[in-house]
N, C-alpha and C. Protein backbone atom coordinates (compact mmCIF):
# COMPACT_ATOMS: atom_id res chain seq x y z
N MET A 1 -29.50 5.36 12.35
CA MET A 1 -28.63 6.51 12.43
C MET A 1 -28.95 7.45 11.27
N SER A 2 -29.27 8.69 11.57
CA SER A 2 -29.55 9.66 10.51
C SER A 2 -28.31 10.48 10.22
N LEU A 3 -28.20 10.91 8.97
CA LEU A 3 -27.05 11.68 8.53
C LEU A 3 -27.46 13.13 8.40
N ASN A 4 -26.74 14.00 9.04
CA ASN A 4 -27.00 15.43 8.96
C ASN A 4 -26.36 15.97 7.68
N MET A 5 -27.17 16.20 6.65
CA MET A 5 -26.67 16.63 5.34
C MET A 5 -26.01 18.01 5.39
N SER A 6 -26.36 18.85 6.34
CA SER A 6 -25.75 20.17 6.40
C SER A 6 -24.26 20.07 6.71
N LEU A 7 -23.83 18.99 7.32
CA LEU A 7 -22.41 18.80 7.59
C LEU A 7 -21.62 18.48 6.33
N LEU A 8 -22.30 18.04 5.27
CA LEU A 8 -21.65 17.65 4.04
C LEU A 8 -21.65 18.75 2.98
N LYS A 9 -22.18 19.91 3.32
CA LYS A 9 -22.27 21.00 2.34
C LYS A 9 -20.88 21.50 1.96
N ILE A 10 -20.62 21.52 0.66
CA ILE A 10 -19.34 22.00 0.14
C ILE A 10 -19.63 23.17 -0.80
N GLU A 11 -18.94 24.25 -0.60
CA GLU A 11 -19.06 25.40 -1.49
C GLU A 11 -18.07 25.17 -2.63
N SER A 12 -18.57 24.63 -3.74
CA SER A 12 -17.69 24.20 -4.83
C SER A 12 -16.83 25.33 -5.40
N GLY A 13 -17.40 26.50 -5.57
CA GLY A 13 -16.62 27.61 -6.11
C GLY A 13 -15.44 27.97 -5.22
N ARG A 14 -15.69 27.96 -3.93
CA ARG A 14 -14.61 28.26 -2.97
C ARG A 14 -13.53 27.18 -2.98
N GLU A 15 -13.95 25.94 -3.07
CA GLU A 15 -13.00 24.83 -3.11
C GLU A 15 -12.17 24.84 -4.38
N ILE A 16 -12.81 25.15 -5.51
CA ILE A 16 -12.08 25.25 -6.77
C ILE A 16 -11.01 26.33 -6.66
N GLY A 17 -11.37 27.46 -6.11
CA GLY A 17 -10.40 28.55 -5.92
C GLY A 17 -9.26 28.14 -5.01
N ARG A 18 -9.57 27.45 -3.94
CA ARG A 18 -8.55 27.00 -2.99
C ARG A 18 -7.58 26.03 -3.66
N ILE A 19 -8.11 25.09 -4.43
CA ILE A 19 -7.26 24.11 -5.11
C ILE A 19 -6.41 24.78 -6.18
N CYS A 20 -6.98 25.72 -6.92
CA CYS A 20 -6.22 26.44 -7.95
C CYS A 20 -5.09 27.25 -7.32
N ARG A 21 -5.34 27.89 -6.20
CA ARG A 21 -4.28 28.62 -5.50
C ARG A 21 -3.16 27.67 -5.07
N PHE A 22 -3.54 26.50 -4.61
CA PHE A 22 -2.55 25.49 -4.21
C PHE A 22 -1.69 25.08 -5.41
N ILE A 23 -2.33 24.82 -6.55
CA ILE A 23 -1.59 24.41 -7.75
C ILE A 23 -0.61 25.51 -8.16
N ARG A 24 -1.08 26.76 -8.21
CA ARG A 24 -0.20 27.88 -8.58
C ARG A 24 0.96 28.01 -7.59
N GLY A 25 0.65 27.89 -6.32
CA GLY A 25 1.67 28.01 -5.28
C GLY A 25 2.73 26.93 -5.40
N GLN A 26 2.31 25.70 -5.66
CA GLN A 26 3.26 24.60 -5.80
C GLN A 26 4.15 24.81 -7.03
N MET A 27 3.57 25.27 -8.11
CA MET A 27 4.35 25.50 -9.32
C MET A 27 5.40 26.59 -9.08
N LEU A 28 5.00 27.64 -8.40
CA LEU A 28 5.94 28.72 -8.10
C LEU A 28 7.02 28.26 -7.12
N ARG A 29 6.61 27.51 -6.12
CA ARG A 29 7.55 27.03 -5.10
C ARG A 29 8.61 26.13 -5.73
N MET A 30 8.20 25.34 -6.70
CA MET A 30 9.13 24.42 -7.35
C MET A 30 9.82 25.05 -8.56
N ARG A 31 9.52 26.33 -8.80
CA ARG A 31 10.13 27.10 -9.89
C ARG A 31 9.96 26.42 -11.25
N ARG A 32 8.74 26.03 -11.52
CA ARG A 32 8.40 25.40 -12.80
C ARG A 32 7.61 26.38 -13.64
N GLU A 33 7.63 26.16 -14.94
CA GLU A 33 6.90 27.02 -15.85
C GLU A 33 5.55 26.44 -16.25
N GLY A 34 5.34 25.17 -15.99
CA GLY A 34 4.09 24.53 -16.36
C GLY A 34 4.01 23.14 -15.75
N VAL A 35 2.95 22.44 -16.13
CA VAL A 35 2.72 21.10 -15.60
C VAL A 35 2.37 20.13 -16.73
N VAL A 36 2.59 18.86 -16.46
CA VAL A 36 2.18 17.79 -17.36
C VAL A 36 1.15 16.95 -16.60
N VAL A 37 0.01 16.72 -17.23
CA VAL A 37 -1.05 15.93 -16.62
C VAL A 37 -1.25 14.67 -17.46
N GLY A 38 -1.18 13.52 -16.82
CA GLY A 38 -1.44 12.26 -17.51
C GLY A 38 -2.93 11.98 -17.50
N LEU A 39 -3.50 11.78 -18.68
CA LEU A 39 -4.93 11.51 -18.80
C LEU A 39 -5.18 10.03 -19.04
N SER A 40 -6.02 9.45 -18.20
CA SER A 40 -6.33 8.02 -18.32
C SER A 40 -7.67 7.79 -19.00
N GLY A 41 -8.46 8.82 -19.11
CA GLY A 41 -9.82 8.67 -19.63
C GLY A 41 -10.85 8.64 -18.52
N GLY A 42 -10.39 8.70 -17.29
CA GLY A 42 -11.29 8.67 -16.13
C GLY A 42 -11.61 10.05 -15.61
N ILE A 43 -12.54 10.10 -14.68
CA ILE A 43 -12.99 11.38 -14.13
C ILE A 43 -11.90 12.06 -13.30
N ASP A 44 -11.09 11.29 -12.59
CA ASP A 44 -10.05 11.89 -11.74
C ASP A 44 -9.04 12.68 -12.56
N SER A 45 -8.55 12.09 -13.63
CA SER A 45 -7.55 12.80 -14.44
C SER A 45 -8.20 13.96 -15.20
N ALA A 46 -9.45 13.84 -15.58
CA ALA A 46 -10.15 14.93 -16.26
C ALA A 46 -10.32 16.13 -15.33
N VAL A 47 -10.69 15.87 -14.09
CA VAL A 47 -10.84 16.95 -13.11
C VAL A 47 -9.49 17.59 -12.82
N SER A 48 -8.45 16.77 -12.68
CA SER A 48 -7.10 17.30 -12.44
C SER A 48 -6.67 18.22 -13.57
N ALA A 49 -6.91 17.80 -14.80
CA ALA A 49 -6.54 18.61 -15.96
C ALA A 49 -7.32 19.93 -15.96
N GLU A 50 -8.60 19.88 -15.68
CA GLU A 50 -9.43 21.10 -15.66
C GLU A 50 -8.95 22.06 -14.58
N LEU A 51 -8.64 21.55 -13.41
CA LEU A 51 -8.16 22.42 -12.33
C LEU A 51 -6.82 23.06 -12.70
N CYS A 52 -5.94 22.31 -13.33
CA CYS A 52 -4.66 22.88 -13.78
C CYS A 52 -4.89 23.95 -14.84
N LEU A 53 -5.81 23.70 -15.77
CA LEU A 53 -6.12 24.70 -16.79
C LEU A 53 -6.65 25.99 -16.17
N ARG A 54 -7.54 25.85 -15.20
CA ARG A 54 -8.08 27.04 -14.52
C ARG A 54 -7.00 27.78 -13.74
N ALA A 55 -6.12 27.02 -13.11
CA ALA A 55 -5.09 27.63 -12.26
C ALA A 55 -3.98 28.28 -13.06
N LEU A 56 -3.61 27.67 -14.18
CA LEU A 56 -2.38 28.08 -14.87
C LEU A 56 -2.59 28.61 -16.27
N GLY A 57 -3.69 28.28 -16.90
CA GLY A 57 -3.92 28.67 -18.29
C GLY A 57 -3.42 27.60 -19.24
N LYS A 58 -4.02 27.54 -20.42
CA LYS A 58 -3.73 26.44 -21.35
C LYS A 58 -2.29 26.41 -21.84
N GLU A 59 -1.63 27.56 -21.86
CA GLU A 59 -0.24 27.58 -22.35
C GLU A 59 0.74 26.94 -21.37
N ARG A 60 0.32 26.70 -20.15
CA ARG A 60 1.21 26.11 -19.13
C ARG A 60 0.84 24.68 -18.75
N VAL A 61 -0.15 24.11 -19.45
CA VAL A 61 -0.60 22.75 -19.14
C VAL A 61 -0.43 21.86 -20.37
N HIS A 62 0.27 20.76 -20.18
CA HIS A 62 0.46 19.78 -21.25
C HIS A 62 -0.17 18.47 -20.78
N ALA A 63 -1.03 17.93 -21.62
CA ALA A 63 -1.72 16.68 -21.26
C ALA A 63 -1.21 15.54 -22.13
N LEU A 64 -0.97 14.42 -21.50
CA LEU A 64 -0.56 13.20 -22.21
C LEU A 64 -1.64 12.16 -22.00
N PHE A 65 -2.07 11.55 -23.08
CA PHE A 65 -3.10 10.52 -22.99
C PHE A 65 -2.46 9.18 -23.30
N PHE A 66 -2.59 8.27 -22.36
CA PHE A 66 -2.04 6.93 -22.51
C PHE A 66 -3.18 5.93 -22.66
N PRO A 67 -3.56 5.63 -23.88
CA PRO A 67 -4.67 4.69 -24.07
C PRO A 67 -4.27 3.28 -23.63
N ARG A 68 -5.25 2.56 -23.14
CA ARG A 68 -5.06 1.18 -22.73
C ARG A 68 -6.02 0.30 -23.48
N LYS A 69 -5.66 -0.94 -23.60
CA LYS A 69 -6.46 -1.90 -24.35
C LYS A 69 -7.88 -2.04 -23.78
N ASN A 70 -8.00 -1.98 -22.46
CA ASN A 70 -9.30 -2.24 -21.84
C ASN A 70 -10.16 -0.99 -21.66
N LEU A 71 -9.73 0.17 -22.16
CA LEU A 71 -10.54 1.38 -22.06
C LEU A 71 -11.56 1.43 -23.20
N SER A 72 -12.69 2.01 -22.90
CA SER A 72 -13.72 2.20 -23.92
C SER A 72 -13.24 3.23 -24.94
N PRO A 73 -13.51 3.03 -26.21
CA PRO A 73 -13.09 4.02 -27.22
C PRO A 73 -13.77 5.37 -26.99
């Protein structure tokens, strides 16, 4: 079975914009002034934090880092 790679093409800039609009819309809908992002040290939380920063600006994003014993320094 061959995989058609053209079906997997993602326009990253467009997707980033779409996700940022969603974040802004949710914040406005919930009548919040900012967001708190929990950082685990992994790629998922890092990407979430970056998207929030792009969508809302650094003054509206607060990050909390919860270190764990088994995480790499």
